[in-house]
Amino acid sequence: MSGISEPIGAGMGWLILSNVMDDNVYGYLFGMVGGIMVWIVIKELLPTAYRYDPNDKVTTYSVVVGMGIMALSLVMFMF
């Protein structure tokens, strides 16, 4: 039941913003959402990962590999 809130919220957002949506609004929204995601990673996910991996055997390498995969996917998306 909790998963239904996202499509409902997206529909409501589209109804409210459909008249003003242009490239600038998309840029602002993607920037805000990206900032929220980075904050969640820095504030919640990384400290939890380091708590479960106190000797840092996997966490830092996984973060670097994940960033590499994201960068590669962004480059491939442009073509």
C-alpha atoms as a PDB file:
ATOM      1  CA  MET A   1       0.000   0.000   0.000  1.00  0.00           C
ATOM      2  CA  SER A   2       2.838   2.421   0.702  1.00  0.00           C
ATOM      3  CA  GLY A   3       4.123   2.046  -2.869  1.00  0.00           C
ATOM      4  CA  ILE A   4       0.961   3.569  -4.329  1.00  0.00           C
ATOM      5  CA  SER A   5       1.858   6.986  -2.869  1.00  0.00           C
ATOM      6  CA  GLU A   6       4.581   7.599  -5.470  1.00  0.00           C
ATOM      7  CA  PRO A   7       2.412   7.338  -8.600  1.00  0.00           C
ATOM      8  CA  ILE A   8      -0.360   9.291  -6.888  1.00  0.00           C
ATOM      9  CA  GLY A   9       2.108  12.025  -5.900  1.00  0.00           C
ATOM     10  CA  ALA A  10       3.557  12.058  -9.416  1.00  0.00           C
ATOM     11  CA  GLY A  11       0.086  12.440 -10.889  1.00  0.00           C
ATOM     12  CA  MET A  12      -0.783  15.266  -8.516  1.00  0.00           C
ATOM     13  CA  GLY A  13       2.527  16.991  -9.259  1.00  0.00           C
ATOM     14  CA  TRP A  14       1.910  16.686 -12.986  1.00  0.00           C
ATOM     15  CA  LEU A  15      -1.600  18.122 -12.627  1.00  0.00           C
ATOM     16  CA  ILE A  16      -0.276  21.091 -10.658  1.00  0.00           C
ATOM     17  CA  LEU A  17       2.834  21.761 -12.765  1.00  0.00           C
ATOM     18  CA  SER A  18       1.713  20.672 -16.244  1.00  0.00           C
ATOM     19  CA  ASN A  19       1.172  24.253 -17.412  1.00  0.00           C
ATOM     20  CA  VAL A  20       4.614  25.476 -16.334  1.00  0.00           C
ATOM     21  CA  MET A  21       6.807  22.463 -17.174  1.00  0.00           C
ATOM     22  CA  ASP A  22       9.708  23.378 -19.427  1.00  0.00           C
ATOM     23  CA  ASP A  23      13.422  22.536 -19.559  1.00  0.00           C
ATOM     24  CA  ASN A  24      14.270  24.922 -16.721  1.00  0.00           C
ATOM     25  CA  VAL A  25      11.676  23.421 -14.377  1.00  0.00           C
ATOM     26  CA  TYR A  26      12.933  19.924 -15.190  1.00  0.00           C
ATOM     27  CA  GLY A  27      16.470  21.078 -14.424  1.00  0.00           C
ATOM     28  CA  TYR A  28      15.430  22.561 -11.063  1.00  0.00           C
ATOM     29  CA  LEU A  29      13.455  19.453 -10.100  1.00  0.00           C
ATOM     30  CA  PHE A  30      16.238  17.040 -11.118  1.00  0.00           C
ATOM     31  CA  GLY A  31      18.754  19.176  -9.225  1.00  0.00           C
ATOM     32  CA  MET A  32      16.655  19.115  -6.061  1.00  0.00           C
ATOM     33  CA  VAL A  33      16.000  15.382  -6.264  1.00  0.00           C
ATOM     34  CA  GLY A  34      19.689  14.714  -6.936  1.00  0.00           C
ATOM     35  CA  GLY A  35      20.629  16.800  -3.906  1.00  0.00           C
ATOM     36  CA  ILE A  36      18.172  14.890  -1.742  1.00  0.00           C
ATOM     37  CA  MET A  37      19.646  11.584  -2.927  1.00  0.00           C
ATOM     38  CA  VAL A  38      23.214  12.717  -2.208  1.00  0.00           C
ATOM     39  CA  TRP A  39      22.176  13.868   1.269  1.00  0.00           C
ATOM     40  CA  ILE A  40      20.550  10.500   2.017  1.00  0.00           C
ATOM     41  CA  VAL A  41      23.669   8.660   0.873  1.00  0.00           C
ATOM     42  CA  ILE A  42      26.029  10.828   2.930  1.00  0.00           C
ATOM     43  CA  LYS A  43      23.870  11.035   6.043  1.00  0.00           C
ATOM     44  CA  GLU A  44      22.303   7.554   6.172  1.00  0.00           C
ATOM     45  CA  LEU A  45      23.690   4.933   3.801  1.00  0.00           C
ATOM     46  CA  LEU A  46      27.442   5.421   4.176  1.00  0.00           C
ATOM     47  CA  PRO A  47      27.446   5.523   8.001  1.00  0.00           C
ATOM     48  CA  THR A  48      25.331   2.367   8.058  1.00  0.00           C
ATOM     49  CA  ALA A  49      27.649   0.656   5.593  1.00  0.00           C
ATOM     50  CA  TYR A  50      30.700   1.568   7.684  1.00  0.00           C
ATOM     51  CA  ARG A  51      28.931   0.317  10.820  1.00  0.00           C
ATOM     52  CA  TYR A  52      28.508  -3.119   9.223  1.00  0.00           C
ATOM     53  CA  ASP A  53      32.017  -3.035   7.694  1.00  0.00           C
ATOM     54  CA  PRO A  54      34.171  -1.458  10.433  1.00  0.00           C
ATOM     55  CA  ASN A  55      37.459  -2.620   8.858  1.00  0.00           C
ATOM     56  CA  ASP A  56      36.435  -1.089   5.511  1.00  0.00           C
ATOM     57  CA  LYS A  57      37.079  -4.217   3.475  1.00  0.00           C
ATOM     58  CA  VAL A  58      34.280  -3.620   0.983  1.00  0.00           C
ATOM     59  CA  THR A  59      32.544  -0.279   1.526  1.00  0.00           C
ATOM     60  CA  THR A  60      34.979   2.186  -0.056  1.00  0.00           C
ATOM     61  CA  TYR A  61      35.616  -0.046  -3.066  1.00  0.00           C
ATOM     62  CA  SER A  62      31.878  -0.507  -3.544  1.00  0.00           C
ATOM     63  CA  VAL A  63      31.296   3.258  -3.452  1.00  0.00           C
ATOM     64  CA  VAL A  64      34.029   3.860  -6.036  1.00  0.00           C
ATOM     65  CA  VAL A  65      32.746   1.073  -8.314  1.00  0.00           C
ATOM     66  CA  GLY A  66      29.186   2.392  -7.961  1.00  0.00           C
ATOM     67  CA  MET A  67      30.288   5.901  -8.928  1.00  0.00           C
ATOM     68  CA  GLY A  68      32.137   4.470 -11.921  1.00  0.00           C
ATOM     69  CA  ILE A  69      29.063   2.552 -13.061  1.00  0.00           C
ATOM     70  CA  MET A  70      26.904   5.672 -12.716  1.00  0.00           C
ATOM     71  CA  ALA A  71      29.415   7.772 -14.668  1.00  0.00           C
ATOM     72  CA  LEU A  72      29.637   5.142 -17.397  1.00  0.00           C
ATOM     73  CA  SER A  73      25.846   4.893 -17.649  1.00  0.00           C
ATOM     74  CA  LEU A  74      25.577   8.680 -17.975  1.00  0.00           C
ATOM     75  CA  VAL A  75      28.164   8.712 -20.754  1.00  0.00           C
ATOM     76  CA  MET A  76      26.459   5.829 -22.551  1.00  0.00           C
ATOM     77  CA  PHE A  77      23.065   7.547 -22.188  1.00  0.00           C
ATOM     78  CA  MET A  78      24.324  10.505 -24.215  1.00  0.00           C
ATOM     79  CA  PHE A  79      24.873   8.379 -27.329  1.00  0.00           C
END
